[in-house]
Amino acid sequence: MYGAALYVDRILHGAKPSELPVQVPTKFEMRLNLKTAESLHLSIPPSMLTRADEVIEENAICCDA
């Protein structure tokens, strides 16, 4: 997400999108929100829970900026 903000900043400061380098992510993260999955009537297999980088069990009261 942070990388996207850098692209937008560069474009807003006059860079042409066609001149920006293509960046490939080096790491992918998996986050599972169990409350959302429950509201969508989805069951998450235990093997997926163990592979997740972060498991969110309840809604956050406030977000980090």
PDB file of N, CA and C in Angstrom:
ATOM      1  N   MET A   1       0.813  -1.188   0.000  1.00  0.00           N
ATOM      2  CA  MET A   1       0.000   0.000   0.000  1.00  0.00           C
ATOM      3  C   MET A   1       0.860   1.256   0.000  1.00  0.00           C
ATOM      4  N   TYR A   2       1.938   1.210   0.759  1.00  0.00           N
ATOM      5  CA  TYR A   2       2.835   2.361   0.836  1.00  0.00           C
ATOM      6  C   TYR A   2       3.427   2.676  -0.531  1.00  0.00           C
ATOM      7  N   GLY A   3       3.736   1.640  -1.304  1.00  0.00           N
ATOM      8  CA  GLY A   3       4.304   1.842  -2.633  1.00  0.00           C
ATOM      9  C   GLY A   3       3.364   2.591  -3.558  1.00  0.00           C
ATOM     10  N   ALA A   4       2.065   2.317  -3.438  1.00  0.00           N
ATOM     11  CA  ALA A   4       1.073   3.004  -4.262  1.00  0.00           C
ATOM     12  C   ALA A   4       1.063   4.495  -3.954  1.00  0.00           C
ATOM     13  N   ALA A   5       1.194   4.844  -2.689  1.00  0.00           N
ATOM     14  CA  ALA A   5       1.208   6.250  -2.297  1.00  0.00           C
ATOM     15  C   ALA A   5       2.412   6.971  -2.911  1.00  0.00           C
ATOM     16  N   LEU A   6       3.537   6.285  -2.991  1.00  0.00           N
ATOM     17  CA  LEU A   6       4.717   6.900  -3.604  1.00  0.00           C
ATOM     18  C   LEU A   6       4.495   7.171  -5.089  1.00  0.00           C
ATOM     19  N   TYR A   7       3.834   6.246  -5.776  1.00  0.00           N
ATOM     20  CA  TYR A   7       3.524   6.452  -7.191  1.00  0.00           C
ATOM     21  C   TYR A   7       2.602   7.652  -7.372  1.00  0.00           C
ATOM     22  N   VAL A   8       1.561   7.742  -6.548  1.00  0.00           N
ATOM     23  CA  VAL A   8       0.618   8.865  -6.640  1.00  0.00           C
ATOM     24  C   VAL A   8       1.345  10.178  -6.386  1.00  0.00           C
ATOM     25  N   ASP A   9       2.212  10.205  -5.376  1.00  0.00           N
ATOM     26  CA  ASP A   9       2.961  11.411  -5.063  1.00  0.00           C
ATOM     27  C   ASP A   9       3.823  11.841  -6.252  1.00  0.00           C
ATOM     28  N   ARG A  10       4.494  10.899  -6.855  1.00  0.00           N
ATOM     29  CA  ARG A  10       5.352  11.229  -8.001  1.00  0.00           C
ATOM     30  C   ARG A  10       4.538  11.768  -9.172  1.00  0.00           C
ATOM     31  N   ILE A  11       3.373  11.165  -9.414  1.00  0.00           N
ATOM     32  CA  ILE A  11       2.518  11.624 -10.523  1.00  0.00           C
ATOM     33  C   ILE A  11       1.990  13.023 -10.228  1.00  0.00           C
ATOM     34  N   LEU A  12       1.560  13.266  -8.976  1.00  0.00           N
ATOM     35  CA  LEU A  12       1.051  14.590  -8.613  1.00  0.00           C
ATOM     36  C   LEU A  12       2.136  15.662  -8.692  1.00  0.00           C
ATOM     37  N   HIS A  13       3.385  15.255  -8.592  1.00  0.00           N
ATOM     38  CA  HIS A  13       4.495  16.199  -8.720  1.00  0.00           C
ATOM     39  C   HIS A  13       5.046  16.273 -10.147  1.00  0.00           C
ATOM     40  N   GLY A  14       4.295  15.737 -11.107  1.00  0.00           N
ATOM     41  CA  GLY A  14       4.651  15.941 -12.509  1.00  0.00           C
ATOM     42  C   GLY A  14       5.268  14.773 -13.254  1.00  0.00           C
ATOM     43  N   ALA A  15       5.537  13.671 -12.617  1.00  0.00           N
ATOM     44  CA  ALA A  15       6.128  12.526 -13.320  1.00  0.00           C
ATOM     45  C   ALA A  15       5.079  11.888 -14.230  1.00  0.00           C
ATOM     46  N   LYS A  16       5.515  11.421 -15.364  1.00  0.00           N
ATOM     47  CA  LYS A  16       4.614  10.726 -16.282  1.00  0.00           C
ATOM     48  C   LYS A  16       4.502   9.261 -15.836  1.00  0.00           C
ATOM     49  N   PRO A  17       3.286   8.743 -15.751  1.00  0.00           N
ATOM     50  CA  PRO A  17       3.117   7.353 -15.324  1.00  0.00           C
ATOM     51  C   PRO A  17       3.913   6.358 -16.157  1.00  0.00           C
ATOM     52  N   SER A  18       4.056   6.625 -17.445  1.00  0.00           N
ATOM     53  CA  SER A  18       4.789   5.700 -18.310  1.00  0.00           C
ATOM     54  C   SER A  18       6.283   5.679 -18.006  1.00  0.00           C
ATOM     55  N   GLU A  19       6.780   6.684 -17.311  1.00  0.00           N
ATOM     56  CA  GLU A  19       8.206   6.758 -16.988  1.00  0.00           C
ATOM     57  C   GLU A  19       8.537   6.167 -15.614  1.00  0.00           C
ATOM     58  N   LEU A  20       7.512   5.813 -14.831  1.00  0.00           N
ATOM     59  CA  LEU A  20       7.762   5.254 -13.502  1.00  0.00           C
ATOM     60  C   LEU A  20       8.174   3.787 -13.616  1.00  0.00           C
ATOM     61  N   PRO A  21       9.113   3.357 -12.800  1.00  0.00           N
ATOM     62  CA  PRO A  21       9.560   1.967 -12.865  1.00  0.00           C
ATOM     63  C   PRO A  21       8.483   1.006 -12.358  1.00  0.00           C
ATOM     64  N   VAL A  22       8.493  -0.181 -12.919  1.00  0.00           N
ATOM     65  CA  VAL A  22       7.592  -1.232 -12.450  1.00  0.00           C
ATOM     66  C   VAL A  22       8.242  -1.877 -11.242  1.00  0.00           C
ATOM     67  N   GLN A  23       7.492  -1.967 -10.156  1.00  0.00           N
ATOM     68  CA  GLN A  23       8.030  -2.564  -8.942  1.00  0.00           C
ATOM     69  C   GLN A  23       7.302  -3.876  -8.676  1.00  0.00           C
ATOM     70  N   VAL A  24       8.064  -4.878  -8.324  1.00  0.00           N
ATOM     71  CA  VAL A  24       7.508  -6.189  -8.033  1.00  0.00           C
ATOM     72  C   VAL A  24       7.614  -6.421  -6.529  1.00  0.00           C
ATOM     73  N   PRO A  25       6.517  -6.812  -5.883  1.00  0.00           N
ATOM     74  CA  PRO A  25       6.597  -7.044  -4.438  1.00  0.00           C
ATOM     75  C   PRO A  25       7.538  -8.201  -4.109  1.00  0.00           C
ATOM     76  N   THR A  26       8.239  -8.048  -3.005  1.00  0.00           N
ATOM     77  CA  THR A  26       9.164  -9.103  -2.582  1.00  0.00           C
ATOM     78  C   THR A  26       8.554  -9.978  -1.499  1.00  0.00           C
ATOM     79  N   LYS A  27       7.497  -9.473  -0.854  1.00  0.00           N
ATOM     80  CA  LYS A  27       6.850 -10.245   0.199  1.00  0.00           C
ATOM     81  C   LYS A  27       5.345 -10.016   0.133  1.00  0.00           C
ATOM     82  N   PHE A  28       4.615 -11.093   0.305  1.00  0.00           N
ATOM     83  CA  PHE A  28       3.166 -11.020   0.363  1.00  0.00           C
ATOM     84  C   PHE A  28       2.748 -11.379   1.783  1.00  0.00           C
ATOM     85  N   GLU A  29       1.775 -10.658   2.314  1.00  0.00           N
ATOM     86  CA  GLU A  29       1.286 -10.931   3.656  1.00  0.00           C
ATOM     87  C   GLU A  29      -0.183 -11.327   3.579  1.00  0.00           C
ATOM     88  N   MET A  30      -0.561 -12.285   4.420  1.00  0.00           N
ATOM     89  CA  MET A  30      -1.953 -12.716   4.464  1.00  0.00           C
ATOM     90  C   MET A  30      -2.524 -12.367   5.828  1.00  0.00           C
ATOM     91  N   ARG A  31      -3.604 -11.606   5.812  1.00  0.00           N
ATOM     92  CA  ARG A  31      -4.310 -11.250   7.035  1.00  0.00           C
ATOM     93  C   ARG A  31      -5.726 -11.782   6.927  1.00  0.00           C
ATOM     94  N   LEU A  32      -6.184 -12.399   7.992  1.00  0.00           N
ATOM     95  CA  LEU A  32      -7.534 -12.950   8.027  1.00  0.00           C
ATOM     96  C   LEU A  32      -8.333 -12.259   9.117  1.00  0.00           C
ATOM     97  N   ASN A  33      -9.499 -11.748   8.751  1.00  0.00           N
ATOM     98  CA  ASN A  33     -10.394 -11.127   9.716  1.00  0.00           C
ATOM     99  C   ASN A  33     -11.505 -12.127  10.000  1.00  0.00           C
ATOM    100  N   LEU A  34     -11.461 -12.741  11.175  1.00  0.00           N
ATOM    101  CA  LEU A  34     -12.405 -13.804  11.507  1.00  0.00           C
ATOM    102  C   LEU A  34     -13.831 -13.288  11.672  1.00  0.00           C
ATOM    103  N   LYS A  35     -13.989 -12.068  12.168  1.00  0.00           N
ATOM    104  CA  LYS A  35     -15.326 -11.509  12.337  1.00  0.00           C
ATOM    105  C   LYS A  35     -15.981 -11.267  10.965  1.00  0.00           C
ATOM    106  N   THR A  36     -15.212 -10.798  10.012  1.00  0.00           N
ATOM    107  CA  THR A  36     -15.734 -10.597   8.665  1.00  0.00           C
ATOM    108  C   THR A  36     -16.055 -11.934   8.017  1.00  0.00           C
ATOM    109  N   ALA A  37     -15.175 -12.901   8.181  1.00  0.00           N
ATOM    110  CA  ALA A  37     -15.434 -14.237   7.614  1.00  0.00           C
ATOM    111  C   ALA A  37     -16.707 -14.826   8.194  1.00  0.00           C
ATOM    112  N   GLU A  38     -16.896 -14.639   9.486  1.00  0.00           N
ATOM    113  CA  GLU A  38     -18.108 -15.151  10.142  1.00  0.00           C
ATOM    114  C   GLU A  38     -19.356 -14.457   9.596  1.00  0.00           C
ATOM    115  N   SER A  39     -19.277 -13.148   9.388  1.00  0.00           N
ATOM    116  CA  SER A  39     -20.443 -12.417   8.877  1.00  0.00           C
ATOM    117  C   SER A  39     -20.779 -12.814   7.438  1.00  0.00           C
ATOM    118  N   LEU A  40     -19.781 -13.313   6.718  1.00  0.00           N
ATOM    119  CA  LEU A  40     -20.001 -13.792   5.347  1.00  0.00           C
ATOM    120  C   LEU A  40     -20.284 -15.291   5.309  1.00  0.00           C
ATOM    121  N   HIS A  41     -20.401 -15.896   6.492  1.00  0.00           N
ATOM    122  CA  HIS A  41     -20.671 -17.328   6.630  1.00  0.00           C
ATOM    123  C   HIS A  41     -19.589 -18.177   5.949  1.00  0.00           C
ATOM    124  N   LEU A  42     -18.343 -17.736   6.131  1.00  0.00           N
ATOM    125  CA  LEU A  42     -17.195 -18.476   5.595  1.00  0.00           C
ATOM    126  C   LEU A  42     -16.503 -19.198   6.735  1.00  0.00           C
ATOM    127  N   SER A  43     -16.067 -20.409   6.466  1.00  0.00           N
ATOM    128  CA  SER A  43     -15.275 -21.118   7.469  1.00  0.00           C
ATOM    129  C   SER A  43     -13.827 -21.159   6.970  1.00  0.00           C
ATOM    130  N   ILE A  44     -12.931 -20.775   7.838  1.00  0.00           N
ATOM    131  CA  ILE A  44     -11.508 -20.723   7.497  1.00  0.00           C
ATOM    132  C   ILE A  44     -10.863 -22.009   7.999  1.00  0.00           C
ATOM    133  N   PRO A  45     -10.249 -22.773   7.107  1.00  0.00           N
ATOM    134  CA  PRO A  45      -9.593 -24.015   7.538  1.00  0.00           C
ATOM    135  C   PRO A  45      -8.430 -23.724   8.496  1.00  0.00           C
ATOM    136  N   PRO A  46      -8.214 -24.606   9.470  1.00  0.00           N
ATOM    137  CA  PRO A  46      -7.109 -24.411  10.429  1.00  0.00           C
ATOM    138  C   PRO A  46      -5.748 -24.251   9.743  1.00  0.00           C
ATOM    139  N   SER A  47      -5.541 -24.943   8.634  1.00  0.00           N
ATOM    140  CA  SER A  47      -4.254 -24.827   7.937  1.00  0.00           C
ATOM    141  C   SER A  47      -4.030 -23.409   7.406  1.00  0.00           C
ATOM    142  N   MET A  48      -5.115 -22.730   7.018  1.00  0.00           N
ATOM    143  CA  MET A  48      -4.981 -21.359   6.534  1.00  0.00           C
ATOM    144  C   MET A  48      -4.720 -20.408   7.701  1.00  0.00           C
ATOM    145  N   LEU A  49      -5.325 -20.692   8.849  1.00  0.00           N
ATOM    146  CA  LEU A  49      -5.095 -19.852  10.029  1.00  0.00           C
ATOM    147  C   LEU A  49      -3.636 -19.909  10.469  1.00  0.00           C
ATOM    148  N   THR A  50      -3.029 -21.081  10.383  1.00  0.00           N
ATOM    149  CA  THR A  50      -1.623 -21.197  10.799  1.00  0.00           C
ATOM    150  C   THR A  50      -0.679 -20.532   9.806  1.00  0.00           C
ATOM    151  N   ARG A  51      -1.080 -20.428   8.560  1.00  0.00           N
ATOM    152  CA  ARG A  51      -0.230 -19.785   7.545  1.00  0.00           C
ATOM    153  C   ARG A  51      -0.351 -18.270   7.524  1.00  0.00           C
ATOM    154  N   ALA A  52      -1.415 -17.729   8.113  1.00  0.00           N
ATOM    155  CA  ALA A  52      -1.652 -16.284   8.077  1.00  0.00           C
ATOM    156  C   ALA A  52      -0.582 -15.535   8.848  1.00  0.00           C
ATOM    157  N   ASP A  53      -0.193 -14.381   8.320  1.00  0.00           N
ATOM    158  CA  ASP A  53       0.749 -13.512   9.023  1.00  0.00           C
ATOM    159  C   ASP A  53       0.067 -12.820  10.200  1.00  0.00           C
ATOM    160  N   GLU A  54      -1.236 -12.560  10.046  1.00  0.00           N
ATOM    161  CA  GLU A  54      -1.992 -11.909  11.114  1.00  0.00           C
ATOM    162  C   GLU A  54      -3.422 -12.418  11.074  1.00  0.00           C
ATOM    163  N   VAL A  55      -3.953 -12.752  12.236  1.00  0.00           N
ATOM    164  CA  VAL A  55      -5.353 -13.160  12.358  1.00  0.00           C
ATOM    165  C   VAL A  55      -6.036 -12.130  13.242  1.00  0.00           C
ATOM    166  N   ILE A  56      -7.023 -11.449  12.666  1.00  0.00           N
ATOM    167  CA  ILE A  56      -7.761 -10.418  13.386  1.00  0.00           C
ATOM    168  C   ILE A  56      -9.026 -11.071  13.923  1.00  0.00           C
ATOM    169  N   GLU A  57      -9.175 -11.056  15.239  1.00  0.00           N
ATOM    170  CA  GLU A  57     -10.296 -11.761  15.854  1.00  0.00           C
ATOM    171  C   GLU A  57     -11.463 -10.855  16.201  1.00  0.00           C
ATOM    172  N   GLU A  58     -11.246  -9.548  16.258  1.00  0.00           N
ATOM    173  CA  GLU A  58     -12.336  -8.627  16.543  1.00  0.00           C
ATOM    174  C   GLU A  58     -12.065  -7.317  15.828  1.00  0.00           C
ATOM    175  N   ASN A  59     -13.099  -6.516  15.675  1.00  0.00           N
ATOM    176  CA  ASN A  59     -12.952  -5.239  14.992  1.00  0.00           C
ATOM    177  C   ASN A  59     -12.107  -4.287  15.828  1.00  0.00           C
ATOM    178  N   ALA A  60     -11.247  -3.571  15.165  1.00  0.00           N
ATOM    179  CA  ALA A  60     -10.414  -2.588  15.850  1.00  0.00           C
ATOM    180  C   ALA A  60     -11.254  -1.371  16.208  1.00  0.00           C
ATOM    181  N   ILE A  61     -10.987  -0.784  17.372  1.00  0.00           N
ATOM    182  CA  ILE A  61     -11.727   0.395  17.797  1.00  0.00           C
ATOM    183  C   ILE A  61     -11.246   1.627  17.028  1.00  0.00           C
ATOM    184  N   CYS A  62      -9.954   1.718  16.816  1.00  0.00           N
ATOM    185  CA  CYS A  62      -9.439   2.818  16.018  1.00  0.00           C
ATOM    186  C   CYS A  62      -8.301   2.320  15.162  1.00  0.00           C
ATOM    187  N   CYS A  63      -7.997   3.045  14.169  1.00  0.00           N
ATOM    188  CA  CYS A  63      -6.986   2.605  13.198  1.00  0.00           C
ATOM    189  C   CYS A  63      -5.716   3.420  13.371  1.00  0.00           C
ATOM    190  N   ASP A  64      -4.572   2.804  13.058  1.00  0.00           N
ATOM    191  CA  ASP A  64      -3.299   3.525  13.064  1.00  0.00           C
ATOM    192  C   ASP A  64      -3.221   4.361  11.810  1.00  0.00           C
ATOM    193  N   ALA A  65      -2.749   5.549  11.933  1.00  0.00           N
ATOM    194  CA  ALA A  65      -2.635   6.442  10.777  1.00  0.00           C
ATOM    195  C   ALA A  65      -1.232   6.410  10.232  1.00  0.00           C
TER     196      ALA A  65
END
